C-alpha atoms as a PDB file:
ATOM      1  CA  MET A   1       0.000   0.000   0.000  1.00  0.00           C
ATOM      2  CA  LYS A   2       1.303   3.453  -0.940  1.00  0.00           C
ATOM      3  CA  ILE A   3       0.377   6.439   1.217  1.00  0.00           C
ATOM      4  CA  LEU A   4       1.258   9.992   0.178  1.00  0.00           C
ATOM      5  CA  VAL A   5       1.632  12.404   3.097  1.00  0.00           C
ATOM      6  CA  LEU A   6       1.694  16.139   2.341  1.00  0.00           C
ATOM      7  CA  GLY A   7       3.347  18.783   4.521  1.00  0.00           C
ATOM      8  CA  ASP A   8       1.528  21.676   6.181  1.00  0.00           C
ATOM      9  CA  ILE A   9      -0.771  23.322   3.620  1.00  0.00           C
ATOM     10  CA  VAL A  10      -0.302  27.099   3.852  1.00  0.00           C
ATOM     11  CA  GLY A  11      -2.897  29.532   2.521  1.00  0.00           C
ATOM     12  CA  GLU A  12      -5.961  29.404   0.301  1.00  0.00           C
ATOM     13  CA  ARG A  13      -3.903  29.574  -2.914  1.00  0.00           C
ATOM     14  CA  SER A  14      -2.411  26.212  -2.013  1.00  0.00           C
ATOM     15  CA  LEU A  15      -5.922  24.773  -2.221  1.00  0.00           C
ATOM     16  CA  GLN A  16      -6.161  25.990  -5.807  1.00  0.00           C
ATOM     17  CA  PHE A  17      -2.770  24.415  -6.533  1.00  0.00           C
ATOM     18  CA  LEU A  18      -3.893  21.062  -5.162  1.00  0.00           C
ATOM     19  CA  GLN A  19      -7.118  21.256  -7.137  1.00  0.00           C
ATOM     20  CA  LYS A  20      -5.036  21.358 -10.322  1.00  0.00           C
ATOM     21  CA  THR A  21      -2.349  18.852  -9.381  1.00  0.00           C
ATOM     22  CA  LEU A  22      -3.238  16.367  -6.657  1.00  0.00           C
ATOM     23  CA  TRP A  23      -5.408  13.829  -8.489  1.00  0.00           C
ATOM     24  CA  ALA A  24      -2.840  13.575 -11.292  1.00  0.00           C
ATOM     25  CA  LYS A  25       0.000  13.180  -8.778  1.00  0.00           C
ATOM     26  CA  ARG A  26      -1.908  10.466  -6.932  1.00  0.00           C
ATOM     27  CA  LYS A  27      -2.267   8.549 -10.180  1.00  0.00           C
ATOM     28  CA  GLU A  28       1.369   9.064 -11.160  1.00  0.00           C
ATOM     29  CA  LEU A  29       2.659   7.818  -7.792  1.00  0.00           C
ATOM     30  CA  GLY A  30       0.094   5.059  -7.468  1.00  0.00           C
ATOM     31  CA  ALA A  31      -0.940   6.423  -4.088  1.00  0.00           C
ATOM     32  CA  ASP A  32      -3.791   4.507  -2.456  1.00  0.00           C
ATOM     33  CA  LEU A  33      -4.373   7.212   0.155  1.00  0.00           C
ATOM     34  CA  VAL A  34      -3.419  10.847   0.752  1.00  0.00           C
ATOM     35  CA  ILE A  35      -2.969  12.353   4.208  1.00  0.00           C
ATOM     36  CA  ALA A  36      -2.187  16.055   4.717  1.00  0.00           C
ATOM     37  CA  ASN A  37      -1.549  18.420   7.602  1.00  0.00           C
ATOM     38  CA  GLY A  38      -4.161  21.166   7.299  1.00  0.00           C
ATOM     39  CA  GLU A  39      -3.715  23.473  10.277  1.00  0.00           C
ATOM     40  CA  ASN A  40      -2.419  26.465   8.262  1.00  0.00           C
ATOM     41  CA  VAL A  41      -4.823  26.591   5.313  1.00  0.00           C
ATOM     42  CA  CYS A  42      -6.756  29.685   6.415  1.00  0.00           C
ATOM     43  CA  ASP A  43      -4.516  32.757   6.527  1.00  0.00           C
ATOM     44  CA  ILE A  44      -1.599  30.716   7.921  1.00  0.00           C
ATOM     45  CA  HIS A  45      -3.384  29.962  11.201  1.00  0.00           C
ATOM     46  CA  GLY A  46      -6.298  27.578  11.385  1.00  0.00           C
ATOM     47  CA  LEU A  47      -8.601  25.488   9.253  1.00  0.00           C
ATOM     48  CA  SER A  48     -12.255  26.034   8.373  1.00  0.00           C
ATOM     49  CA  PRO A  49     -14.829  23.295   7.729  1.00  0.00           C
ATOM     50  CA  ARG A  50     -15.211  24.607   4.172  1.00  0.00           C
ATOM     51  CA  ALA A  51     -11.462  24.359   3.532  1.00  0.00           C
ATOM     52  CA  ALA A  52     -11.369  20.844   4.989  1.00  0.00           C
ATOM     53  CA  GLU A  53     -14.227  19.650   2.784  1.00  0.00           C
ATOM     54  CA  THR A  54     -12.557  21.300  -0.204  1.00  0.00           C
ATOM     55  CA  LEU A  55      -9.367  19.335   0.456  1.00  0.00           C
ATOM     56  CA  PHE A  56     -11.359  16.104   0.623  1.00  0.00           C
ATOM     57  CA  SER A  57     -12.897  16.869  -2.766  1.00  0.00           C
ATOM     58  CA  TYR A  58      -9.443  17.586  -4.238  1.00  0.00           C
ATOM     59  CA  GLY A  59      -8.014  14.169  -3.308  1.00  0.00           C
ATOM     60  CA  VAL A  60      -7.043  14.306   0.372  1.00  0.00           C
ATOM     61  CA  ASP A  61      -8.460  11.386   2.372  1.00  0.00           C
ATOM     62  CA  PHE A  62      -7.489  12.392   5.896  1.00  0.00           C
ATOM     63  CA  LEU A  63      -6.218  15.483   7.757  1.00  0.00           C
ATOM     64  CA  THR A  64      -3.813  15.795  10.654  1.00  0.00           C
ATOM     65  CA  SER A  65      -3.150  19.092  12.414  1.00  0.00           C
ATOM     66  CA  GLY A  66      -1.199  20.793  15.188  1.00  0.00           C
ATOM     67  CA  ASN A  67      -1.029  23.715  17.575  1.00  0.00           C
ATOM     68  CA  HIS A  68      -2.993  26.080  15.285  1.00  0.00           C
ATOM     69  CA  ILE A  69      -5.989  23.821  14.760  1.00  0.00           C
ATOM     70  CA  PHE A  70      -8.036  25.620  17.423  1.00  0.00           C
ATOM     71  CA  ASP A  71      -7.384  29.130  16.045  1.00  0.00           C
ATOM     72  CA  ARG A  72     -10.806  29.178  14.348  1.00  0.00           C
ATOM     73  CA  ARG A  73     -13.830  28.329  16.483  1.00  0.00           C
ATOM     74  CA  ASP A  74     -15.855  27.223  13.474  1.00  0.00           C
ATOM     75  CA  ILE A  75     -13.704  24.086  13.269  1.00  0.00           C
ATOM     76  CA  TYR A  76     -14.649  22.844  16.755  1.00  0.00           C
ATOM     77  CA  THR A  77     -17.852  21.049  15.784  1.00  0.00           C
ATOM     78  CA  PHE A  78     -16.188  19.679  12.643  1.00  0.00           C
ATOM     79  CA  LEU A  79     -13.410  18.173  14.765  1.00  0.00           C
ATOM     80  CA  ASN A  80     -16.030  16.367  16.825  1.00  0.00           C
ATOM     81  CA  ASP A  81     -18.198  15.206  13.933  1.00  0.00           C
ATOM     82  CA  SER A  82     -15.774  14.305  11.136  1.00  0.00           C
ATOM     83  CA  GLN A  83     -14.097  10.899  11.061  1.00  0.00           C
ATOM     84  CA  SER A  84     -11.390  12.231   8.726  1.00  0.00           C
ATOM     85  CA  ILE A  85      -9.483  14.679  10.931  1.00  0.00           C
ATOM     86  CA  VAL A  86      -7.458  14.502  14.156  1.00  0.00           C
ATOM     87  CA  ARG A  87      -5.887  17.000  16.526  1.00  0.00           C
ATOM     88  CA  PRO A  88      -2.865  16.339  18.772  1.00  0.00           C
ATOM     89  CA  CYS A  89      -3.705  13.643  21.300  1.00  0.00           C
ATOM     90  CA  ASN A  90      -1.887  15.334  24.186  1.00  0.00           C
ATOM     91  CA  TYR A  91      -4.333  18.239  24.451  1.00  0.00           C
ATOM     92  CA  PRO A  92      -6.704  17.972  27.437  1.00  0.00           C
ATOM     93  CA  PRO A  93      -9.639  15.590  26.891  1.00  0.00           C
ATOM     94  CA  THR A  94     -11.995  18.578  27.032  1.00  0.00           C
ATOM     95  CA  ALA A  95     -10.547  19.900  23.747  1.00  0.00           C
ATOM     96  CA  PRO A  96     -12.697  19.394  20.629  1.00  0.00           C
ATOM     97  CA  GLY A  97     -11.938  16.375  18.486  1.00  0.00           C
ATOM     98  CA  GLU A  98      -9.821  13.292  19.064  1.00  0.00           C
ATOM     99  CA  GLY A  99      -6.114  12.541  18.850  1.00  0.00           C
ATOM    100  CA  ALA A 100      -6.490   9.308  16.897  1.00  0.00           C
ATOM    101  CA  LYS A 101      -9.009   7.881  14.450  1.00  0.00           C
ATOM    102  CA  ILE A 102      -9.189   4.908  12.129  1.00  0.00           C
ATOM    103  CA  LEU A 103      -9.085   5.426   8.367  1.00  0.00           C
ATOM    104  CA  THR A 104     -10.352   2.512   6.273  1.00  0.00           C
ATOM    105  CA  SER A 105      -8.859   2.004   2.822  1.00  0.00           C
ATOM    106  CA  ALA A 106     -10.797   0.921  -0.257  1.00  0.00           C
ATOM    107  CA  GLU A 107      -9.327  -2.557   0.243  1.00  0.00           C
ATOM    108  CA  GLY A 108     -10.608  -2.701   3.802  1.00  0.00           C
ATOM    109  CA  TRP A 109      -7.348  -2.120   5.669  1.00  0.00           C
ATOM    110  CA  ARG A 110      -7.881  -0.320   8.983  1.00  0.00           C
ATOM    111  CA  ILE A 111      -5.258   2.381   9.512  1.00  0.00           C
ATOM    112  CA  LEU A 112      -4.906   4.067  12.886  1.00  0.00           C
ATOM    113  CA  VAL A 113      -3.790   7.694  12.413  1.00  0.00           C
ATOM    114  CA  VAL A 114      -2.356   9.294  15.560  1.00  0.00           C
ATOM    115  CA  ASN A 115      -1.433  12.978  15.919  1.00  0.00           C
ATOM    116  CA  VAL A 116       0.747  14.306  18.759  1.00  0.00           C
ATOM    117  CA  SER A 117       2.300  17.685  19.562  1.00  0.00           C
ATOM    118  CA  GLY A 118       5.826  18.155  20.781  1.00  0.00           C
ATOM    119  CA  THR A 119       6.465  20.064  24.004  1.00  0.00           C
ATOM    120  CA  VAL A 120      10.039  21.294  23.444  1.00  0.00           C
ATOM    121  CA  PHE A 121       9.839  25.017  22.498  1.00  0.00           C
ATOM    122  CA  MET A 122       6.050  24.570  22.250  1.00  0.00           C
ATOM    123  CA  GLU A 123       3.033  24.541  24.551  1.00  0.00           C
ATOM    124  CA  PRO A 124       3.447  22.604  27.835  1.00  0.00           C
ATOM    125  CA  LEU A 125       0.971  19.884  26.931  1.00  0.00           C
ATOM    126  CA  ASP A 126       0.803  16.350  28.288  1.00  0.00           C
ATOM    127  CA  ASP A 127       3.857  14.143  27.831  1.00  0.00           C
ATOM    128  CA  PRO A 128       3.748  13.055  24.153  1.00  0.00           C
ATOM    129  CA  PHE A 129       5.200   9.625  24.940  1.00  0.00           C
ATOM    130  CA  ARG A 130       2.431   8.803  27.418  1.00  0.00           C
ATOM    131  CA  ALA A 131      -0.231  10.327  25.176  1.00  0.00           C
ATOM    132  CA  VAL A 132       0.716   8.162  22.188  1.00  0.00           C
ATOM    133  CA  GLU A 133       0.897   5.072  24.415  1.00  0.00           C
ATOM    134  CA  ARG A 134      -2.663   5.782  25.557  1.00  0.00           C
ATOM    135  CA  GLU A 135      -3.933   5.997  21.992  1.00  0.00           C
ATOM    136  CA  LEU A 136      -2.263   2.730  21.008  1.00  0.00           C
ATOM    137  CA  GLU A 137      -3.711   0.981  24.027  1.00  0.00           C
ATOM    138  CA  ARG A 138      -7.169   2.444  23.446  1.00  0.00           C
ATOM    139  CA  ALA A 139      -7.201   1.248  19.824  1.00  0.00           C
ATOM    140  CA  ARG A 140      -5.637  -2.156  20.532  1.00  0.00           C
ATOM    141  CA  ARG A 141      -6.915  -4.934  18.221  1.00  0.00           C
ATOM    142  CA  THR A 142      -9.046  -2.499  16.174  1.00  0.00           C
ATOM    143  CA  TYR A 143      -6.530  -1.639  13.422  1.00  0.00           C
ATOM    144  CA  ASP A 144      -4.138  -3.317  10.980  1.00  0.00           C
ATOM    145  CA  PHE A 145      -1.302  -0.783  11.084  1.00  0.00           C
ATOM    146  CA  ALA A 146      -0.704   2.740  12.369  1.00  0.00           C
ATOM    147  CA  LEU A 147       0.720   6.104  11.292  1.00  0.00           C
ATOM    148  CA  LEU A 148       1.997   8.906  13.545  1.00  0.00           C
ATOM    149  CA  ASP A 149       2.236  12.646  12.798  1.00  0.00           C
ATOM    150  CA  ILE A 150       4.611  14.325  15.281  1.00  0.00           C
ATOM    151  CA  HIS A 151       3.857  18.056  15.130  1.00  0.00           C
ATOM    152  CA  ALA A 152       6.953  19.417  16.838  1.00  0.00           C
ATOM    153  CA  GLU A 153       9.678  22.043  16.740  1.00  0.00           C
ATOM    154  CA  ALA A 154      12.694  20.127  18.014  1.00  0.00           C
ATOM    155  CA  THR A 155      14.393  17.580  15.782  1.00  0.00           C
ATOM    156  CA  SER A 156      15.667  15.664  18.805  1.00  0.00           C
ATOM    157  CA  GLU A 157      12.142  15.281  20.202  1.00  0.00           C
ATOM    158  CA  LYS A 158      10.833  13.899  16.919  1.00  0.00           C
ATOM    159  CA  LEU A 159      13.733  11.459  16.685  1.00  0.00           C
ATOM    160  CA  ALA A 160      13.301  10.366  20.299  1.00  0.00           C
ATOM    161  CA  LEU A 161       9.605   9.648  19.775  1.00  0.00           C
ATOM    162  CA  ALA A 162      10.338   7.811  16.535  1.00  0.00           C
ATOM    163  CA  ARG A 163      13.026   5.626  18.097  1.00  0.00           C
ATOM    164  CA  HIS A 164      10.816   4.886  21.085  1.00  0.00           C
ATOM    165  CA  PHE A 165       7.863   3.794  18.931  1.00  0.00           C
ATOM    166  CA  ASP A 166       9.901   2.088  16.198  1.00  0.00           C
ATOM    167  CA  GLY A 167       8.124  -1.090  15.151  1.00  0.00           C
ATOM    168  CA  ARG A 168       4.763  -0.037  16.566  1.00  0.00           C
ATOM    169  CA  PHE A 169       3.951   2.270  13.661  1.00  0.00           C
ATOM    170  CA  ALA A 170       4.298   1.563   9.957  1.00  0.00           C
ATOM    171  CA  ALA A 171       5.284   5.202   9.395  1.00  0.00           C
ATOM    172  CA  ILE A 172       6.208   8.187  11.557  1.00  0.00           C
ATOM    173  CA  PHE A 173       6.577  11.648  10.043  1.00  0.00           C
ATOM    174  CA  GLY A 174       7.241  15.114  11.424  1.00  0.00           C
ATOM    175  CA  THR A 175       5.366  18.308  10.639  1.00  0.00           C
ATOM    176  CA  HIS A 176       5.349  21.943  11.866  1.00  0.00           C
ATOM    177  CA  THR A 177       8.723  23.342  10.764  1.00  0.00           C
ATOM    178  CA  HIS A 178       7.675  23.617   7.068  1.00  0.00           C
ATOM    179  CA  VAL A 179      11.159  22.599   5.880  1.00  0.00           C
ATOM    180  CA  GLN A 180      11.576  19.149   4.347  1.00  0.00           C
ATOM    181  CA  THR A 181      14.442  17.181   5.859  1.00  0.00           C
ATOM    182  CA  ALA A 182      16.703  14.746   4.005  1.00  0.00           C
ATOM    183  CA  ASP A 183      16.756  11.952   6.590  1.00  0.00           C
ATOM    184  CA  GLU A 184      14.095   9.627   5.187  1.00  0.00           C
ATOM    185  CA  GLN A 185      14.858   6.108   6.395  1.00  0.00           C
ATOM    186  CA  ILE A 186      13.505   2.808   7.639  1.00  0.00           C
ATOM    187  CA  LEU A 187      14.259   2.434  11.351  1.00  0.00           C
ATOM    188  CA  PRO A 188      15.677  -0.856  12.719  1.00  0.00           C
ATOM    189  CA  GLN A 189      12.274  -2.317  13.664  1.00  0.00           C
ATOM    190  CA  GLY A 190      10.696  -1.480  10.302  1.00  0.00           C
ATOM    191  CA  THR A 191       9.094   1.946  10.786  1.00  0.00           C
ATOM    192  CA  GLY A 192       9.369   4.383   7.884  1.00  0.00           C
ATOM    193  CA  TYR A 193      10.517   7.778   9.165  1.00  0.00           C
ATOM    194  CA  ILE A 194      11.346  11.370   8.215  1.00  0.00           C
ATOM    195  CA  THR A 195      11.894  14.262  10.626  1.00  0.00           C
ATOM    196  CA  ASP A 196       9.795  16.756   8.634  1.00  0.00           C
ATOM    197  CA  ILE A 197       7.843  16.305   5.424  1.00  0.00           C
ATOM    198  CA  GLY A 198       7.949  20.018   4.581  1.00  0.00           C
ATOM    199  CA  MET A 199       5.281  22.417   3.377  1.00  0.00           C
ATOM    200  CA  THR A 200       2.711  22.850   0.643  1.00  0.00           C
ATOM    201  CA  GLY A 201       2.803  26.570  -0.006  1.00  0.00           C
ATOM    202  CA  PRO A 202       4.560  29.548  -1.621  1.00  0.00           C
ATOM    203  CA  VAL A 203       8.111  28.876  -2.799  1.00  0.00           C
ATOM    204  CA  ASN A 204       9.423  32.435  -2.405  1.00  0.00           C
ATOM    205  CA  SER A 205       8.574  32.779   1.258  1.00  0.00           C
ATOM    206  CA  ILE A 206       9.768  32.187   4.790  1.00  0.00           C
ATOM    207  CA  LEU A 207       7.776  29.134   5.885  1.00  0.00           C
ATOM    208  CA  GLY A 208       4.933  30.316   3.668  1.00  0.00           C
ATOM    209  CA  VAL A 209       4.954  33.899   4.962  1.00  0.00           C
ATOM    210  CA  THR A 210       5.847  37.041   2.998  1.00  0.00           C
ATOM    211  CA  PRO A 211       9.597  37.480   3.683  1.00  0.00           C
ATOM    212  CA  ALA A 212       9.341  41.196   4.510  1.00  0.00           C
ATOM    213  CA  ASP A 213       6.905  40.422   7.335  1.00  0.00           C
ATOM    214  CA  VAL A 214       9.217  37.920   8.991  1.00  0.00           C
ATOM    215  CA  ILE A 215      12.346  40.031   8.503  1.00  0.00           C
ATOM    216  CA  GLU A 216      10.669  43.098  10.025  1.00  0.00           C
ATOM    217  CA  LYS A 217       9.437  41.067  12.985  1.00  0.00           C
ATOM    218  CA  GLN A 218      12.884  39.619  13.665  1.00  0.00           C
ATOM    219  CA  ARG A 219      14.667  42.961  13.261  1.00  0.00           C
ATOM    220  CA  THR A 220      12.325  45.054  15.417  1.00  0.00           C
ATOM    221  CA  HIS A 221      10.679  42.493  17.735  1.00  0.00           C
ATOM    222  CA  LEU A 222       7.486  44.505  17.370  1.00  0.00           C
ATOM    223  CA  PRO A 223       4.077  43.021  16.511  1.00  0.00           C
ATOM    224  CA  ARG A 224       3.708  42.356  12.801  1.00  0.00           C
ATOM    225  CA  ARG A 225       0.773  40.815  10.946  1.00  0.00           C
ATOM    226  CA  PHE A 226       1.941  37.897   8.826  1.00  0.00           C
ATOM    227  CA  THR A 227       0.520  37.423   5.343  1.00  0.00           C
ATOM    228  CA  VAL A 228       0.798  34.438   3.032  1.00  0.00           C
ATOM    229  CA  ALA A 229       3.433  35.050   0.343  1.00  0.00           C
ATOM    230  CA  GLU A 230       2.564  35.453  -3.326  1.00  0.00           C
ATOM    231  CA  GLY A 231       4.099  33.582  -6.252  1.00  0.00           C
ATOM    232  CA  ASP A 232       4.525  29.962  -7.248  1.00  0.00           C
ATOM    233  CA  ILE A 233       3.284  27.130  -5.047  1.00  0.00           C
ATOM    234  CA  ALA A 234       5.041  23.798  -4.475  1.00  0.00           C
ATOM    235  CA  ALA A 235       4.012  20.714  -2.523  1.00  0.00           C
ATOM    236  CA  HIS A 236       6.408  18.699  -0.376  1.00  0.00           C
ATOM    237  CA  GLY A 237       5.744  15.377   1.243  1.00  0.00           C
ATOM    238  CA  VAL A 238       6.674  11.726   1.457  1.00  0.00           C
ATOM    239  CA  LEU A 239       5.436   8.549  -0.194  1.00  0.00           C
ATOM    240  CA  PHE A 240       5.406   5.601   2.208  1.00  0.00           C
ATOM    241  CA  ASP A 241       5.299   2.126   0.683  1.00  0.00           C
ATOM    242  CA  ILE A 242       3.826  -0.072   3.430  1.00  0.00           C
ATOM    243  CA  ASP A 243       3.191  -3.786   3.734  1.00  0.00           C
ATOM    244  CA  PRO A 244      -0.256  -3.820   5.388  1.00  0.00           C
ATOM    245  CA  VAL A 245       0.133  -7.439   6.474  1.00  0.00           C
ATOM    246  CA  THR A 246       3.313  -6.930   8.495  1.00  0.00           C
ATOM    247  CA  GLY A 247       2.720  -3.239   9.289  1.00  0.00           C
ATOM    248  CA  ARG A 248       6.248  -2.404   8.166  1.00  0.00           C
ATOM    249  CA  ALA A 249       7.579   0.084   5.616  1.00  0.00           C
ATOM    250  CA  ASN A 250       9.166  -1.131   2.412  1.00  0.00           C
ATOM    251  CA  ALA A 251      10.335   2.293   1.248  1.00  0.00           C
ATOM    252  CA  VAL A 252      10.248   6.009   2.121  1.00  0.00           C
ATOM    253  CA  THR A 253      10.529   8.477  -0.758  1.00  0.00           C
ATOM    254  CA  ARG A 254      10.533  12.273  -0.610  1.00  0.00           C
ATOM    255  CA  VAL A 255       8.091  13.893  -3.026  1.00  0.00           C
ATOM    256  CA  THR A 256       8.019  17.420  -4.479  1.00  0.00           C
ATOM    257  CA  PHE A 257       5.663  18.754  -7.142  1.00  0.00           C
END
């Protein structure tokens, strides 16, 4: 089974880009499923129900998220009602949505998708190790293999989580930093891994933001409204080739289009 995972989608124009390109790319890669991180679609911060449904119509099967998923209140009910989106599992249980859900493929394979937020240089949420353990235990015997999105800032934290859960997930991938890393690999116990899958957004930008906005903020340390950059869009992600019987990765390939 081939699963294409797309990095953080930044801005409404990236939706238009995916409308034109994603179905063709799915066919070219032979991807059975597409998963994307959608927390930055609406003006960099947040996701609306309309944008989520639009992504589903453009070829995305499932959405993960991160620390910006609660920026828009109109997504709260959608997080509770939709079976195709998760938020980080280490938020308090009173938060809208769930940290793990099961995605069923056309062939009937049951795929547990878990989302967790890092805590190094980020919000002081629950311990991500314990939170992921809870989700695995809760879903025990209800899935065929599992995927984990680690939405985190620190490379060392992502690597530590990946090494700890090696063999218990078919694939583990990092999001949040918007920069694709070059360390795609299969870990010793068979888990496909990459520290960050990158971003789907404007090429001539700083993490999707207009460069002048970021430069001014860093030079002056004064409040500055960030805007999504103009210009060409590119998508970055990873194609995981997974054996659904063993729950192990056969290959991990970086993808750009």
